[in-house]
């Protein structure tokens, strides 16, 4: 096959050769890396355990870090200043409406009234 350089032109021949070399380089690099699927390089193979199928219970344990938040959180405040005589709940205990949480000293309140 004879190529007529005068007809094609040296500039076009160099551009075509450069594009061909770039395509060839991409193919060689892709083959050397072992190929990939979907453009994502494949990592090392994943190890698996194999055994005969049988009926048994499957257990799964999940460990996670985080903070436990209550469903409802209430701020308790009082318009009366008094000394606390007894506390019936601790932080984190579940309470129901009407439960006694604390007993306050009534003497100062009654004297002010």
PDB file of N, CA and C in Angstrom:
ATOM      1  N   UNK A   1       0.843  -1.176   0.000  1.00  0.00           N
ATOM      2  CA  UNK A   1       0.000   0.000   0.000  1.00  0.00           C
ATOM      3  C   UNK A   1       0.886   1.237   0.000  1.00  0.00           C
ATOM      4  N   UNK A   2       0.718   2.057  -1.002  1.00  0.00           N
ATOM      5  CA  UNK A   2       1.506   3.278  -1.118  1.00  0.00           C
ATOM      6  C   UNK A   2       0.692   4.451  -0.609  1.00  0.00           C
ATOM      7  N   UNK A   3       1.354   5.305   0.156  1.00  0.00           N
ATOM      8  CA  UNK A   3       0.711   6.512   0.666  1.00  0.00           C
ATOM      9  C   UNK A   3       1.316   7.700  -0.051  1.00  0.00           C
ATOM     10  N   UNK A   4       0.488   8.488  -0.652  1.00  0.00           N
ATOM     11  CA  UNK A   4       0.932   9.671  -1.347  1.00  0.00           C
ATOM     12  C   UNK A   4       0.923  10.826  -0.354  1.00  0.00           C
ATOM     13  N   UNK A   5       2.132  11.199   0.162  1.00  0.00           N
ATOM     14  CA  UNK A   5       2.250  12.241   1.182  1.00  0.00           C
ATOM     15  C   UNK A   5       1.853  13.602   0.652  1.00  0.00           C
ATOM     16  N   UNK A   6       2.052  13.839  -0.618  1.00  0.00           N
ATOM     17  CA  UNK A   6       1.708  15.139  -1.168  1.00  0.00           C
ATOM     18  C   UNK A   6       0.196  15.328  -1.205  1.00  0.00           C
ATOM     19  N   UNK A   7      -0.536  14.239  -1.480  1.00  0.00           N
ATOM     20  CA  UNK A   7      -1.972  14.336  -1.576  1.00  0.00           C
ATOM     21  C   UNK A   7      -2.613  14.516  -0.180  1.00  0.00           C
ATOM     22  N   UNK A   8      -2.160  13.722   0.799  1.00  0.00           N
ATOM     23  CA  UNK A   8      -2.748  13.762   2.135  1.00  0.00           C
ATOM     24  C   UNK A   8      -2.254  14.974   2.912  1.00  0.00           C
ATOM     25  N   UNK A   9      -1.031  15.237   2.810  1.00  0.00           N
ATOM     26  CA  UNK A   9      -0.446  16.330   3.557  1.00  0.00           C
ATOM     27  C   UNK A   9       0.190  15.809   4.837  1.00  0.00           C
ATOM     28  N   UNK A  10       1.351  16.322   5.129  1.00  0.00           N
ATOM     29  CA  UNK A  10       2.090  15.839   6.289  1.00  0.00           C
ATOM     30  C   UNK A  10       1.370  16.154   7.603  1.00  0.00           C
ATOM     31  N   UNK A  11       0.734  17.276   7.680  1.00  0.00           N
ATOM     32  CA  UNK A  11       0.060  17.678   8.907  1.00  0.00           C
ATOM     33  C   UNK A  11      -1.080  16.713   9.247  1.00  0.00           C
ATOM     34  N   UNK A  12      -1.896  16.374   8.241  1.00  0.00           N
ATOM     35  CA  UNK A  12      -2.999  15.447   8.447  1.00  0.00           C
ATOM     36  C   UNK A  12      -2.477  14.052   8.802  1.00  0.00           C
ATOM     37  N   UNK A  13      -1.384  13.656   8.205  1.00  0.00           N
ATOM     38  CA  UNK A  13      -0.805  12.347   8.492  1.00  0.00           C
ATOM     39  C   UNK A  13      -0.315  12.279   9.942  1.00  0.00           C
ATOM     40  N   UNK A  14       0.299  13.348  10.433  1.00  0.00           N
ATOM     41  CA  UNK A  14       0.768  13.380  11.818  1.00  0.00           C
ATOM     42  C   UNK A  14      -0.406  13.358  12.796  1.00  0.00           C
ATOM     43  N   UNK A  15      -1.457  14.104  12.505  1.00  0.00           N
ATOM     44  CA  UNK A  15      -2.641  14.122  13.370  1.00  0.00           C
ATOM     45  C   UNK A  15      -3.283  12.735  13.413  1.00  0.00           C
ATOM     46  N   UNK A  16      -3.440  12.109  12.266  1.00  0.00           N
ATOM     47  CA  UNK A  16      -4.022  10.759  12.201  1.00  0.00           C
ATOM     48  C   UNK A  16      -3.160   9.742  12.941  1.00  0.00           C
ATOM     49  N   UNK A  17      -1.861   9.855  12.796  1.00  0.00           N
ATOM     50  CA  UNK A  17      -0.952   8.936  13.494  1.00  0.00           C
ATOM     51  C   UNK A  17      -1.042   9.147  15.001  1.00  0.00           C
ATOM     52  N   UNK A  18      -1.149  10.383  15.439  1.00  0.00           N
ATOM     53  CA  UNK A  18      -1.268  10.684  16.870  1.00  0.00           C
ATOM     54  C   UNK A  18      -2.551  10.113  17.466  1.00  0.00           C
ATOM     55  N   UNK A  19      -3.658  10.280  16.749  1.00  0.00           N
ATOM     56  CA  UNK A  19      -4.928   9.734  17.222  1.00  0.00           C
ATOM     57  C   UNK A  19      -4.872   8.210  17.275  1.00  0.00           C
ATOM     58  N   UNK A  20      -4.300   7.608  16.266  1.00  0.00           N
ATOM     59  CA  UNK A  20      -4.163   6.144  16.245  1.00  0.00           C
ATOM     60  C   UNK A  20      -3.288   5.658  17.389  1.00  0.00           C
ATOM     61  N   UNK A  21      -2.201   6.367  17.683  1.00  0.00           N
ATOM     62  CA  UNK A  21      -1.309   5.980  18.778  1.00  0.00           C
ATOM     63  C   UNK A  21      -2.024   6.125  20.124  1.00  0.00           C
ATOM     64  N   UNK A  22      -2.837   7.175  20.282  1.00  0.00           N
ATOM     65  CA  UNK A  22      -3.573   7.374  21.533  1.00  0.00           C
ATOM     66  C   UNK A  22      -4.584   6.251  21.753  1.00  0.00           C
ATOM     67  N   UNK A  23      -5.295   5.864  20.714  1.00  0.00           N
ATOM     68  CA  UNK A  23      -6.265   4.769  20.822  1.00  0.00           C
ATOM     69  C   UNK A  23      -5.548   3.467  21.158  1.00  0.00           C
ATOM     70  N   UNK A  24      -4.436   3.211  20.518  1.00  0.00           N
ATOM     71  CA  UNK A  24      -3.645   2.013  20.788  1.00  0.00           C
ATOM     72  C   UNK A  24      -3.140   2.010  22.237  1.00  0.00           C
ATOM     73  N   UNK A  25      -2.711   3.167  22.739  1.00  0.00           N
ATOM     74  CA  UNK A  25      -2.240   3.273  24.123  1.00  0.00           C
ATOM     75  C   UNK A  25      -3.367   2.987  25.113  1.00  0.00           C
ATOM     76  N   UNK A  26      -4.566   3.506  24.850  1.00  0.00           N
ATOM     77  CA  UNK A  26      -5.720   3.245  25.720  1.00  0.00           C
ATOM     78  C   UNK A  26      -6.050   1.755  25.752  1.00  0.00           C
ATOM     79  N   UNK A  27      -6.014   1.098  24.611  1.00  0.00           N
ATOM     80  CA  UNK A  27      -6.298  -0.336  24.550  1.00  0.00           C
ATOM     81  C   UNK A  27      -5.254  -1.131  25.319  1.00  0.00           C
ATOM     82  N   UNK A  28      -3.991  -0.793  25.166  1.00  0.00           N
ATOM     83  CA  UNK A  28      -2.923  -1.513  25.853  1.00  0.00           C
ATOM     84  C   UNK A  28      -3.028  -1.328  27.369  1.00  0.00           C
ATOM     85  N   UNK A  29      -3.291  -0.108  27.837  1.00  0.00           N
ATOM     86  CA  UNK A  29      -3.423   0.146  29.267  1.00  0.00           C
ATOM     87  C   UNK A  29      -4.619  -0.607  29.838  1.00  0.00           C
ATOM     88  N   UNK A  30      -5.740  -0.635  29.124  1.00  0.00           N
ATOM     89  CA  UNK A  30      -6.936  -1.339  29.583  1.00  0.00           C
ATOM     90  C   UNK A  30      -6.682  -2.838  29.675  1.00  0.00           C
ATOM     91  N   UNK A  31      -6.010  -3.407  28.713  1.00  0.00           N
ATOM     92  CA  UNK A  31      -5.706  -4.841  28.755  1.00  0.00           C
ATOM     93  C   UNK A  31      -4.701  -5.166  29.858  1.00  0.00           C
ATOM     94  N   UNK A  32      -3.756  -4.287  30.098  1.00  0.00           N
ATOM     95  CA  UNK A  32      -2.741  -4.523  31.128  1.00  0.00           C
ATOM     96  C   UNK A  32      -3.329  -4.453  32.531  1.00  0.00           C
ATOM     97  N   UNK A  33      -4.384  -3.647  32.721  1.00  0.00           N
ATOM     98  CA  UNK A  33      -4.980  -3.521  34.057  1.00  0.00           C
ATOM     99  C   UNK A  33      -5.967  -4.635  34.350  1.00  0.00           C
ATOM    100  N   UNK A  34      -6.156  -5.559  33.472  1.00  0.00           N
ATOM    101  CA  UNK A  34      -7.064  -6.669  33.715  1.00  0.00           C
ATOM    102  C   UNK A  34      -8.489  -6.364  33.309  1.00  0.00           C
ATOM    103  N   UNK A  35      -8.720  -5.275  32.700  1.00  0.00           N
ATOM    104  CA  UNK A  35     -10.060  -4.904  32.273  1.00  0.00           C
ATOM    105  C   UNK A  35     -10.894  -4.403  33.437  1.00  0.00           C
ATOM    106  N   UNK A  36     -12.061  -3.920  33.153  1.00  0.00           N
ATOM    107  CA  UNK A  36     -12.981  -3.453  34.193  1.00  0.00           C
ATOM    108  C   UNK A  36     -14.384  -3.595  33.668  1.00  0.00           C
ATOM    109  N   UNK A  37     -15.343  -3.593  34.589  1.00  0.00           N
ATOM    110  CA  UNK A  37     -16.742  -3.678  34.207  1.00  0.00           C
ATOM    111  C   UNK A  37     -17.416  -2.367  34.550  1.00  0.00           C
ATOM    112  N   UNK A  38     -18.041  -1.764  33.608  1.00  0.00           N
ATOM    113  CA  UNK A  38     -18.767  -0.518  33.854  1.00  0.00           C
ATOM    114  C   UNK A  38     -17.859   0.642  34.186  1.00  0.00           C
ATOM    115  N   UNK A  39     -16.579   0.572  33.836  1.00  0.00           N
ATOM    116  CA  UNK A  39     -15.664   1.664  34.105  1.00  0.00           C
ATOM    117  C   UNK A  39     -15.144   1.668  35.532  1.00  0.00           C
ATOM    118  N   UNK A  40     -15.541   0.705  36.355  1.00  0.00           N
ATOM    119  CA  UNK A  40     -15.086   0.634  37.740  1.00  0.00           C
ATOM    120  C   UNK A  40     -14.067  -0.484  37.858  1.00  0.00           C
ATOM    121  N   UNK A  41     -12.842  -0.185  38.310  1.00  0.00           N
ATOM    122  CA  UNK A  41     -11.839  -1.241  38.434  1.00  0.00           C
ATOM    123  C   UNK A  41     -12.288  -2.293  39.447  1.00  0.00           C
ATOM    124  N   UNK A  42     -12.009  -3.549  39.133  1.00  0.00           N
ATOM    125  CA  UNK A  42     -12.366  -4.634  40.027  1.00  0.00           C
ATOM    126  C   UNK A  42     -11.272  -4.820  41.055  1.00  0.00           C
ATOM    127  N   UNK A  43     -11.680  -5.067  42.313  1.00  0.00           N
ATOM    128  CA  UNK A  43     -10.734  -5.315  43.388  1.00  0.00           C
ATOM    129  C   UNK A  43     -10.417  -6.790  43.472  1.00  0.00           C
ATOM    130  N   UNK A  44      -9.745  -7.185  44.547  1.00  0.00           N
ATOM    131  CA  UNK A  44      -9.430  -8.593  44.717  1.00  0.00           C
ATOM    132  C   UNK A  44     -10.713  -9.393  44.927  1.00  0.00           C
ATOM    133  N   UNK A  45     -10.690 -10.683  44.627  1.00  0.00           N
ATOM    134  CA  UNK A  45     -11.905 -11.478  44.789  1.00  0.00           C
ATOM    135  C   UNK A  45     -12.323 -11.558  46.255  1.00  0.00           C
ATOM    136  N   UNK A  46     -13.623 -11.651  46.493  1.00  0.00           N
ATOM    137  CA  UNK A  46     -14.175 -11.701  47.836  1.00  0.00           C
ATOM    138  C   UNK A  46     -14.222 -13.155  48.292  1.00  0.00           C
ATOM    139  N   UNK A  47     -13.736 -13.414  49.519  1.00  0.00           N
ATOM    140  CA  UNK A  47     -13.757 -14.767  50.058  1.00  0.00           C
ATOM    141  C   UNK A  47     -15.163 -15.130  50.522  1.00  0.00           C
ATOM    142  N   UNK A  48     -15.586 -16.359  50.272  1.00  0.00           N
ATOM    143  CA  UNK A  48     -16.904 -16.830  50.678  1.00  0.00           C
ATOM    144  C   UNK A  48     -16.776 -18.181  51.362  1.00  0.00           C
ATOM    145  N   UNK A  49     -17.764 -18.521  52.205  1.00  0.00           N
ATOM    146  CA  UNK A  49     -17.824 -19.828  52.834  1.00  0.00           C
ATOM    147  C   UNK A  49     -18.891 -20.644  52.115  1.00  0.00           C
ATOM    148  N   UNK A  50     -18.609 -21.910  51.890  1.00  0.00           N
ATOM    149  CA  UNK A  50     -19.536 -22.785  51.187  1.00  0.00           C
ATOM    150  C   UNK A  50     -19.782 -24.014  52.052  1.00  0.00           C
ATOM    151  N   UNK A  51     -21.040 -24.422  52.188  1.00  0.00           N
ATOM    152  CA  UNK A  51     -21.369 -25.664  52.872  1.00  0.00           C
ATOM    153  C   UNK A  51     -22.695 -26.169  52.338  1.00  0.00           C
ATOM    154  N   UNK A  52     -23.042 -27.422  52.691  1.00  0.00           N
ATOM    155  CA  UNK A  52     -24.279 -28.013  52.212  1.00  0.00           C
ATOM    156  C   UNK A  52     -25.480 -27.285  52.805  1.00  0.00           C
ATOM    157  N   UNK A  53     -26.553 -27.219  52.026  1.00  0.00           N
ATOM    158  CA  UNK A  53     -27.776 -26.558  52.481  1.00  0.00           C
ATOM    159  C   UNK A  53     -28.454 -27.425  53.537  1.00  0.00           C
ATOM    160  N   UNK A  54     -28.883 -26.797  54.631  1.00  0.00           N
ATOM    161  CA  UNK A  54     -29.624 -27.490  55.684  1.00  0.00           C
ATOM    162  C   UNK A  54     -30.476 -26.471  56.410  1.00  0.00           C
ATOM    163  N   UNK A  55     -31.484 -26.952  57.101  1.00  0.00           N
ATOM    164  CA  UNK A  55     -32.400 -26.084  57.825  1.00  0.00           C
ATOM    165  C   UNK A  55     -31.765 -25.689  59.148  1.00  0.00           C
ATOM    166  N   UNK A  56     -31.665 -24.385  59.422  1.00  0.00           N
ATOM    167  CA  UNK A  56     -31.122 -23.897  60.680  1.00  0.00           C
ATOM    168  C   UNK A  56     -31.495 -22.426  60.858  1.00  0.00           C
ATOM    169  N   UNK A  57     -31.231 -21.905  62.051  1.00  0.00           N
ATOM    170  CA  UNK A  57     -31.540 -20.517  62.363  1.00  0.00           C
ATOM    171  C   UNK A  57     -30.378 -19.632  61.914  1.00  0.00           C
ATOM    172  N   UNK A  58     -30.711 -18.541  61.240  1.00  0.00           N
ATOM    173  CA  UNK A  58     -29.699 -17.594  60.788  1.00  0.00           C
ATOM    174  C   UNK A  58     -29.657 -16.443  61.786  1.00  0.00           C
ATOM    175  N   UNK A  59     -28.487 -16.150  62.297  1.00  0.00           N
ATOM    176  CA  UNK A  59     -28.325 -15.054  63.237  1.00  0.00           C
ATOM    177  C   UNK A  59     -27.477 -13.974  62.596  1.00  0.00           C
ATOM    178  N   UNK A  60     -27.829 -12.741  62.894  1.00  0.00           N
ATOM    179  CA  UNK A  60     -27.080 -11.619  62.361  1.00  0.00           C
ATOM    180  C   UNK A  60     -26.885 -10.596  63.469  1.00  0.00           C
ATOM    181  N   UNK A  61     -25.673 -10.117  63.633  1.00  0.00           N
ATOM    182  CA  UNK A  61     -25.362  -9.121  64.642  1.00  0.00           C
ATOM    183  C   UNK A  61     -24.907  -7.847  63.950  1.00  0.00           C
ATOM    184  N   UNK A  62     -25.489  -6.733  64.359  1.00  0.00           N
ATOM    185  CA  UNK A  62     -25.116  -5.442  63.785  1.00  0.00           C
ATOM    186  C   UNK A  62     -24.609  -4.561  64.916  1.00  0.00           C
ATOM    187  N   UNK A  63     -23.441  -3.987  64.736  1.00  0.00           N
ATOM    188  CA  UNK A  63     -22.862  -3.080  65.713  1.00  0.00           C
ATOM    189  C   UNK A  63     -22.834  -1.680  65.108  1.00  0.00           C
ATOM    190  N   UNK A  64     -23.316  -0.706  65.866  1.00  0.00           N
ATOM    191  CA  UNK A  64     -23.339   0.661  65.355  1.00  0.00           C
ATOM    192  C   UNK A  64     -23.055   1.632  66.495  1.00  0.00           C
ATOM    193  N   UNK A  65     -22.477   2.742  66.142  1.00  0.00           N
ATOM    194  CA  UNK A  65     -22.209   3.797  67.115  1.00  0.00           C
ATOM    195  C   UNK A  65     -23.231   4.904  66.914  1.00  0.00           C
ATOM    196  N   UNK A  66     -23.626   5.534  67.997  1.00  0.00           N
ATOM    197  CA  UNK A  66     -24.580   6.626  67.860  1.00  0.00           C
ATOM    198  C   UNK A  66     -25.109   7.048  69.210  1.00  0.00           C
ATOM    199  N   UNK A  67     -26.091   7.908  69.183  1.00  0.00           N
ATOM    200  CA  UNK A  67     -26.696   8.443  70.392  1.00  0.00           C
ATOM    201  C   UNK A  67     -28.176   8.082  70.387  1.00  0.00           C
ATOM    202  N   UNK A  68     -28.663   7.587  71.514  1.00  0.00           N
ATOM    203  CA  UNK A  68     -30.074   7.251  71.632  1.00  0.00           C
ATOM    204  C   UNK A  68     -30.840   8.508  72.025  1.00  0.00           C
ATOM    205  N   UNK A  69     -31.895   8.802  71.289  1.00  0.00           N
ATOM    206  CA  UNK A  69     -32.708   9.982  71.536  1.00  0.00           C
ATOM    207  C   UNK A  69     -34.098   9.556  71.986  1.00  0.00           C
ATOM    208  N   UNK A  70     -34.697  10.249  72.957  1.00  0.00           N
ATOM    209  CA  UNK A  70     -36.059   9.898  73.372  1.00  0.00           C
ATOM    210  C   UNK A  70     -37.072  10.297  72.305  1.00  0.00           C
ATOM    211  N   UNK A  71     -38.237   9.654  72.338  1.00  0.00           N
ATOM    212  CA  UNK A  71     -39.304  10.001  71.408  1.00  0.00           C
ATOM    213  C   UNK A  71     -39.838  11.393  71.748  1.00  0.00           C
ATOM    214  N   UNK A  72     -40.088  11.631  73.039  1.00  0.00           N
ATOM    215  CA  UNK A  72     -40.533  12.938  73.509  1.00  0.00           C
ATOM    216  C   UNK A  72     -39.596  13.380  74.615  1.00  0.00           C
ATOM    217  N   UNK A  73     -39.190  14.631  74.592  1.00  0.00           N
ATOM    218  CA  UNK A  73     -38.329  15.167  75.635  1.00  0.00           C
ATOM    219  C   UNK A  73     -39.004  16.406  76.207  1.00  0.00           C
ATOM    220  N   UNK A  74     -39.090  16.465  77.527  1.00  0.00           N
ATOM    221  CA  UNK A  74     -39.769  17.580  78.172  1.00  0.00           C
ATOM    222  C   UNK A  74     -38.801  18.303  79.101  1.00  0.00           C
ATOM    223  N   UNK A  75     -38.898  19.608  79.131  1.00  0.00           N
ATOM    224  CA  UNK A  75     -38.174  20.427  80.095  1.00  0.00           C
ATOM    225  C   UNK A  75     -39.127  20.697  81.250  1.00  0.00           C
ATOM    226  N   UNK A  76     -38.702  20.374  82.464  1.00  0.00           N
ATOM    227  CA  UNK A  76     -39.548  20.590  83.636  1.00  0.00           C
ATOM    228  C   UNK A  76     -39.052  21.841  84.351  1.00  0.00           C
ATOM    229  N   UNK A  77     -39.979  22.749  84.614  1.00  0.00           N
ATOM    230  CA  UNK A  77     -39.625  23.971  85.336  1.00  0.00           C
ATOM    231  C   UNK A  77     -40.757  24.303  86.298  1.00  0.00           C
ATOM    232  N   UNK A  78     -40.442  25.144  87.222  1.00  0.00           N
ATOM    233  CA  UNK A  78     -41.430  25.506  88.230  1.00  0.00           C
ATOM    234  C   UNK A  78     -41.444  27.023  88.399  1.00  0.00           C
ATOM    235  N   UNK A  79     -42.608  27.534  88.722  1.00  0.00           N
ATOM    236  CA  UNK A  79     -42.708  28.960  89.013  1.00  0.00           C
ATOM    237  C   UNK A  79     -42.485  29.215  90.502  1.00  0.00           C
ATOM    238  N   UNK A  80     -42.381  28.131  91.264  1.00  0.00           N
ATOM    239  CA  UNK A  80     -42.196  28.236  92.706  1.00  0.00           C
ATOM    240  C   UNK A  80     -40.771  27.803  93.036  1.00  0.00           C
ATOM    241  N   UNK A  81     -40.098  28.570  93.856  1.00  0.00           N
ATOM    242  CA  UNK A  81     -38.759  28.231  94.299  1.00  0.00           C
ATOM    243  C   UNK A  81     -38.872  27.469  95.615  1.00  0.00           C
ATOM    244  N   UNK A  82     -38.358  26.235  95.654  1.00  0.00           N
ATOM    245  CA  UNK A  82     -38.454  25.427  96.878  1.00  0.00           C
ATOM    246  C   UNK A  82     -37.346  24.393  96.871  1.00  0.00           C
ATOM    247  N   UNK A  83     -37.094  23.859  98.052  1.00  0.00           N
ATOM    248  CA  UNK A  83     -36.087  22.812  98.207  1.00  0.00           C
ATOM    249  C   UNK A  83     -36.734  21.473  97.866  1.00  0.00           C
ATOM    250  N   UNK A  84     -35.987  20.603  97.181  1.00  0.00           N
ATOM    251  CA  UNK A  84     -36.493  19.286  96.806  1.00  0.00           C
ATOM    252  C   UNK A  84     -36.350  18.362  98.007  1.00  0.00           C
ATOM    253  N   UNK A  85     -37.448  17.734  98.391  1.00  0.00           N
ATOM    254  CA  UNK A  85     -37.457  16.821  99.533  1.00  0.00           C
ATOM    255  C   UNK A  85     -37.214  15.373  99.082  1.00  0.00           C
ATOM    256  N   UNK A  86     -37.770  14.966  97.937  1.00  0.00           N
ATOM    257  CA  UNK A  86     -37.608  13.592  97.438  1.00  0.00           C
ATOM    258  C   UNK A  86     -37.710  13.593  95.921  1.00  0.00           C
ATOM    259  N   UNK A  87     -36.916  12.724  95.283  1.00  0.00           N
ATOM    260  CA  UNK A  87     -36.953  12.549  93.828  1.00  0.00           C
ATOM    261  C   UNK A  87     -37.342  11.101  93.562  1.00  0.00           C
ATOM    262  N   UNK A  88     -38.401  10.894  92.787  1.00  0.00           N
ATOM    263  CA  UNK A  88     -38.907   9.551  92.532  1.00  0.00           C
ATOM    264  C   UNK A  88     -38.482   8.961  91.189  1.00  0.00           C
ATOM    265  N   UNK A  89     -37.881   9.740  90.315  1.00  0.00           N
ATOM    266  CA  UNK A  89     -37.448   9.227  89.012  1.00  0.00           C
ATOM    267  C   UNK A  89     -36.015   9.656  88.759  1.00  0.00           C
ATOM    268  N   UNK A  90     -35.367   8.908  87.891  1.00  0.00           N
ATOM    269  CA  UNK A  90     -34.014   9.259  87.448  1.00  0.00           C
ATOM    270  C   UNK A  90     -34.066   9.580  85.965  1.00  0.00           C
ATOM    271  N   UNK A  91     -33.020  10.199  85.489  1.00  0.00           N
ATOM    272  CA  UNK A  91     -32.953  10.548  84.079  1.00  0.00           C
ATOM    273  C   UNK A  91     -33.018   9.280  83.246  1.00  0.00           C
ATOM    274  N   UNK A  92     -33.870   9.280  82.255  1.00  0.00           N
ATOM    275  CA  UNK A  92     -34.014   8.128  81.381  1.00  0.00           C
ATOM    276  C   UNK A  92     -35.192   7.234  81.733  1.00  0.00           C
ATOM    277  N   UNK A  93     -35.787   7.402  82.919  1.00  0.00           N
ATOM    278  CA  UNK A  93     -36.946   6.592  83.284  1.00  0.00           C
ATOM    279  C   UNK A  93     -38.160   7.026  82.483  1.00  0.00           C
ATOM    280  N   UNK A  94     -39.022   6.064  82.188  1.00  0.00           N
ATOM    281  CA  UNK A  94     -40.263   6.370  81.480  1.00  0.00           C
ATOM    282  C   UNK A  94     -41.311   6.765  82.516  1.00  0.00           C
ATOM    283  N   UNK A  95     -42.019   7.845  82.267  1.00  0.00           N
ATOM    284  CA  UNK A  95     -43.052   8.321  83.187  1.00  0.00           C
ATOM    285  C   UNK A  95     -44.366   8.456  82.441  1.00  0.00           C
ATOM    286  N   UNK A  96     -45.438   8.411  83.200  1.00  0.00           N
ATOM    287  CA  UNK A  96     -46.777   8.556  82.642  1.00  0.00           C
ATOM    288  C   UNK A  96     -47.385   9.856  83.167  1.00  0.00           C
ATOM    289  N   UNK A  97     -48.379  10.401  82.492  1.00  0.00           N
ATOM    290  CA  UNK A  97     -49.058  11.605  83.002  1.00  0.00           C
ATOM    291  C   UNK A  97     -49.640  11.327  84.386  1.00  0.00           C
ATOM    292  N   UNK A  98     -49.426  12.243  85.306  1.00  0.00           N
ATOM    293  CA  UNK A  98     -49.941  12.107  86.654  1.00  0.00           C
ATOM    294  C   UNK A  98     -48.959  11.487  87.635  1.00  0.00           C
ATOM    295  N   UNK A  99     -47.817  10.936  87.146  1.00  0.00           N
ATOM    296  CA  UNK A  99     -46.809  10.362  88.051  1.00  0.00           C
ATOM    297  C   UNK A  99     -46.158  11.467  88.870  1.00  0.00           C
ATOM    298  N   UNK A 100     -45.864  11.176  90.130  1.00  0.00           N
ATOM    299  CA  UNK A 100     -45.160  12.132  90.985  1.00  0.00           C
ATOM    300  C   UNK A 100     -43.670  12.016  90.675  1.00  0.00           C
ATOM    301  N   UNK A 101     -43.054  13.125  90.298  1.00  0.00           N
ATOM    302  CA  UNK A 101     -41.640  13.133  89.964  1.00  0.00           C
ATOM    303  C   UNK A 101     -40.796  13.544  91.158  1.00  0.00           C
ATOM    304  N   UNK A 102     -41.193  14.641  91.829  1.00  0.00           N
ATOM    305  CA  UNK A 102     -40.454  15.141  92.992  1.00  0.00           C
ATOM    306  C   UNK A 102     -41.451  15.666  94.030  1.00  0.00           C
ATOM    307  N   UNK A 103     -40.981  15.746  95.265  1.00  0.00           N
ATOM    308  CA  UNK A 103     -41.761  16.392  96.322  1.00  0.00           C
ATOM    309  C   UNK A 103     -40.946  17.592  96.790  1.00  0.00           C
ATOM    310  N   UNK A 104     -41.598  18.758  96.787  1.00  0.00           N
ATOM    311  CA  UNK A 104     -40.934  20.002  97.170  1.00  0.00           C
ATOM    312  C   UNK A 104     -41.298  20.362  98.611  1.00  0.00           C
ATOM    313  N   UNK A 105     -40.391  21.104  99.252  1.00  0.00           N
ATOM    314  CA  UNK A 105     -40.658  21.611 100.609  1.00  0.00           C
ATOM    315  C   UNK A 105     -41.676  22.741 100.486  1.00  0.00           C
ATOM    316  N   UNK A 106     -42.841  22.606 101.147  1.00  0.00           N
ATOM    317  CA  UNK A 106     -43.938  23.556 100.996  1.00  0.00           C
ATOM    318  C   UNK A 106     -43.850  24.718 101.984  1.00  0.00           C
ATOM    319  N   UNK A 107     -43.001  24.640 102.989  1.00  0.00           N
ATOM    320  CA  UNK A 107     -43.008  25.653 104.044  1.00  0.00           C
ATOM    321  C   UNK A 107     -42.748  27.062 103.521  1.00  0.00           C
ATOM    322  N   UNK A 108     -41.776  27.228 102.664  1.00  0.00           N
ATOM    323  CA  UNK A 108     -41.451  28.566 102.141  1.00  0.00           C
ATOM    324  C   UNK A 108     -42.596  29.096 101.289  1.00  0.00           C
ATOM    325  N   UNK A 109     -43.202  28.217 100.450  1.00  0.00           N
ATOM    326  CA  UNK A 109     -44.322  28.624  99.593  1.00  0.00           C
ATOM    327  C   UNK A 109     -45.517  29.045 100.421  1.00  0.00           C
ATOM    328  N   UNK A 110     -45.860  28.246 101.436  1.00  0.00           N
ATOM    329  CA  UNK A 110     -47.011  28.571 102.286  1.00  0.00           C
ATOM    330  C   UNK A 110     -46.782  29.833 103.094  1.00  0.00           C
ATOM    331  N   UNK A 111     -45.537  30.065 103.537  1.00  0.00           N
ATOM    332  CA  UNK A 111     -45.242  31.287 104.310  1.00  0.00           C
ATOM    333  C   UNK A 111     -45.348  32.520 103.415  1.00  0.00           C
ATOM    334  N   UNK A 112     -44.973  32.421 102.161  1.00  0.00           N
ATOM    335  CA  UNK A 112     -45.055  33.547 101.237  1.00  0.00           C
ATOM    336  C   UNK A 112     -46.482  33.855 100.848  1.00  0.00           C
ATOM    337  N   UNK A 113     -47.334  32.871 100.925  1.00  0.00           N
ATOM    338  CA  UNK A 113     -48.737  33.044 100.556  1.00  0.00           C
ATOM    339  C   UNK A 113     -49.444  33.744 101.671  1.00  0.00           C
TER     340      UNK A 113
END
